[in-house]
């Protein structure tokens, strides 16, 4: 049976974006524990100090895990979607650095 390629890439893209958001949240969570602030105030400080791109980049590290799980399961189109999500994160970082 032939896979539905756009659906498989879409699933990988969605899971890549979710893992990026989860990684960014985890980073903010642990950073807020270190600085004894709430997550919201830590996020506000990150925006004020122009560190949002760095947080997104560190959150994208979870994409490695998702990517290699899909490769191990031989779900190559979903792995392509995760790579696409990483590219989307890179574009967002690029836009946040210049604007």
C-alpha atoms as a PDB file:
ATOM      1  CA  UNK A   1       0.000   0.000   0.000  1.00  0.00           C
ATOM      2  CA  UNK A   2       1.386   3.361  -1.038  1.00  0.00           C
ATOM      3  CA  UNK A   3       1.481   6.048   1.674  1.00  0.00           C
ATOM      4  CA  UNK A   4      -0.402   9.302   1.326  1.00  0.00           C
ATOM      5  CA  UNK A   5       2.702  11.486   0.966  1.00  0.00           C
ATOM      6  CA  UNK A   6       1.236  14.954   1.754  1.00  0.00           C
ATOM      7  CA  UNK A   7      -0.539  13.542   4.814  1.00  0.00           C
ATOM      8  CA  UNK A   8       2.652  11.869   6.090  1.00  0.00           C
ATOM      9  CA  UNK A   9       4.718  15.040   5.589  1.00  0.00           C
ATOM     10  CA  UNK A  10       1.968  17.055   7.300  1.00  0.00           C
ATOM     11  CA  UNK A  11       2.008  14.733  10.307  1.00  0.00           C
ATOM     12  CA  UNK A  12       5.791  15.094  10.534  1.00  0.00           C
ATOM     13  CA  UNK A  13       5.516  18.875  10.197  1.00  0.00           C
ATOM     14  CA  UNK A  14       2.891  19.048  12.934  1.00  0.00           C
ATOM     15  CA  UNK A  15       4.867  16.811  15.292  1.00  0.00           C
ATOM     16  CA  UNK A  16       8.034  18.788  14.565  1.00  0.00           C
ATOM     17  CA  UNK A  17       6.317  22.068  15.430  1.00  0.00           C
ATOM     18  CA  UNK A  18       4.788  20.578  18.578  1.00  0.00           C
ATOM     19  CA  UNK A  19       8.143  19.200  19.703  1.00  0.00           C
ATOM     20  CA  UNK A  20       9.742  22.585  19.047  1.00  0.00           C
ATOM     21  CA  UNK A  21       7.096  24.310  21.166  1.00  0.00           C
ATOM     22  CA  UNK A  22       7.502  21.690  23.895  1.00  0.00           C
ATOM     23  CA  UNK A  23      11.281  22.136  23.891  1.00  0.00           C
ATOM     24  CA  UNK A  24      10.943  25.908  24.078  1.00  0.00           C
ATOM     25  CA  UNK A  25       8.483  25.572  26.952  1.00  0.00           C
ATOM     26  CA  UNK A  26      10.791  23.182  28.802  1.00  0.00           C
ATOM     27  CA  UNK A  27      13.692  25.588  28.371  1.00  0.00           C
ATOM     28  CA  UNK A  28      11.595  28.489  29.696  1.00  0.00           C
ATOM     29  CA  UNK A  29      10.365  26.319  32.553  1.00  0.00           C
ATOM     30  CA  UNK A  30      13.850  25.370  33.720  1.00  0.00           C
ATOM     31  CA  UNK A  31      15.117  28.903  33.222  1.00  0.00           C
ATOM     32  CA  UNK A  32      12.257  30.243  35.330  1.00  0.00           C
ATOM     33  CA  UNK A  33      13.167  27.788  38.087  1.00  0.00           C
ATOM     34  CA  UNK A  34      16.763  29.025  38.090  1.00  0.00           C
ATOM     35  CA  UNK A  35      15.774  32.707  38.173  1.00  0.00           C
ATOM     36  CA  UNK A  36      12.859  32.235  40.618  1.00  0.00           C
ATOM     37  CA  UNK A  37      10.387  33.870  38.213  1.00  0.00           C
ATOM     38  CA  UNK A  38       7.150  32.729  36.648  1.00  0.00           C
ATOM     39  CA  UNK A  39       7.217  31.350  33.124  1.00  0.00           C
ATOM     40  CA  UNK A  40       5.310  34.389  31.838  1.00  0.00           C
ATOM     41  CA  UNK A  41       7.763  36.859  33.334  1.00  0.00           C
ATOM     42  CA  UNK A  42      10.705  34.805  32.056  1.00  0.00           C
ATOM     43  CA  UNK A  43       9.135  34.945  28.586  1.00  0.00           C
ATOM     44  CA  UNK A  44       8.717  38.724  28.886  1.00  0.00           C
ATOM     45  CA  UNK A  45      12.364  39.124  29.910  1.00  0.00           C
ATOM     46  CA  UNK A  46      13.408  36.984  26.942  1.00  0.00           C
ATOM     47  CA  UNK A  47      11.423  39.210  24.581  1.00  0.00           C
ATOM     48  CA  UNK A  48      12.852  42.388  26.119  1.00  0.00           C
ATOM     49  CA  UNK A  49      16.421  41.101  25.859  1.00  0.00           C
ATOM     50  CA  UNK A  50      15.869  39.810  22.299  1.00  0.00           C
ATOM     51  CA  UNK A  51      16.472  36.165  23.234  1.00  0.00           C
ATOM     52  CA  UNK A  52      13.373  34.705  21.622  1.00  0.00           C
ATOM     53  CA  UNK A  53      15.326  33.316  18.663  1.00  0.00           C
ATOM     54  CA  UNK A  54      17.739  31.562  20.998  1.00  0.00           C
ATOM     55  CA  UNK A  55      14.869  29.961  22.896  1.00  0.00           C
ATOM     56  CA  UNK A  56      13.289  28.725  19.660  1.00  0.00           C
ATOM     57  CA  UNK A  57      16.644  27.311  18.530  1.00  0.00           C
ATOM     58  CA  UNK A  58      17.130  25.462  21.807  1.00  0.00           C
ATOM     59  CA  UNK A  59      13.577  24.188  21.612  1.00  0.00           C
ATOM     60  CA  UNK A  60      14.316  22.758  18.179  1.00  0.00           C
ATOM     61  CA  UNK A  61      16.752  20.317  19.759  1.00  0.00           C
ATOM     62  CA  UNK A  62      13.799  18.045  20.534  1.00  0.00           C
ATOM     63  CA  UNK A  63      13.282  17.725  16.780  1.00  0.00           C
ATOM     64  CA  UNK A  64      16.377  15.511  16.712  1.00  0.00           C
ATOM     65  CA  UNK A  65      14.604  12.972  18.886  1.00  0.00           C
ATOM     66  CA  UNK A  66      11.442  12.967  16.768  1.00  0.00           C
ATOM     67  CA  UNK A  67      13.460  12.869  13.536  1.00  0.00           C
ATOM     68  CA  UNK A  68      15.511   9.848  14.574  1.00  0.00           C
ATOM     69  CA  UNK A  69      12.455   8.001  15.897  1.00  0.00           C
ATOM     70  CA  UNK A  70      10.833   8.380  12.494  1.00  0.00           C
ATOM     71  CA  UNK A  71      13.994   7.227  10.753  1.00  0.00           C
ATOM     72  CA  UNK A  72      14.230   4.193  13.048  1.00  0.00           C
ATOM     73  CA  UNK A  73      10.608   3.301  12.229  1.00  0.00           C
ATOM     74  CA  UNK A  74      11.330   3.802   8.501  1.00  0.00           C
ATOM     75  CA  UNK A  75       8.754   6.600   8.241  1.00  0.00           C
ATOM     76  CA  UNK A  76      10.829   8.716   5.918  1.00  0.00           C
ATOM     77  CA  UNK A  77       8.110  11.119   4.815  1.00  0.00           C
ATOM     78  CA  UNK A  78       7.296  11.996   8.405  1.00  0.00           C
ATOM     79  CA  UNK A  79      11.016  12.585   8.987  1.00  0.00           C
ATOM     80  CA  UNK A  80      10.940  14.974   6.022  1.00  0.00           C
ATOM     81  CA  UNK A  81       8.097  16.822   7.730  1.00  0.00           C
ATOM     82  CA  UNK A  82      10.213  17.211  10.869  1.00  0.00           C
ATOM     83  CA  UNK A  83      13.033  18.651   8.748  1.00  0.00           C
ATOM     84  CA  UNK A  84      10.499  21.043   7.230  1.00  0.00           C
ATOM     85  CA  UNK A  85       9.405  22.083  10.732  1.00  0.00           C
ATOM     86  CA  UNK A  86      13.030  22.760  11.610  1.00  0.00           C
ATOM     87  CA  UNK A  87      13.342  24.945   8.513  1.00  0.00           C
ATOM     88  CA  UNK A  88      10.205  26.820   9.546  1.00  0.00           C
ATOM     89  CA  UNK A  89      11.772  27.403  12.972  1.00  0.00           C
ATOM     90  CA  UNK A  90      14.955  28.670  11.305  1.00  0.00           C
ATOM     91  CA  UNK A  91      12.947  31.117   9.192  1.00  0.00           C
ATOM     92  CA  UNK A  92      11.088  32.350  12.296  1.00  0.00           C
ATOM     93  CA  UNK A  93      14.432  32.847  14.066  1.00  0.00           C
ATOM     94  CA  UNK A  94      15.793  34.727  11.062  1.00  0.00           C
ATOM     95  CA  UNK A  95      12.752  36.997  10.944  1.00  0.00           C
ATOM     96  CA  UNK A  96      12.882  37.627  14.706  1.00  0.00           C
ATOM     97  CA  UNK A  97      16.557  38.628  14.532  1.00  0.00           C
ATOM     98  CA  UNK A  98      16.062  41.210  11.788  1.00  0.00           C
ATOM     99  CA  UNK A  99      12.653  42.678  12.686  1.00  0.00           C
END
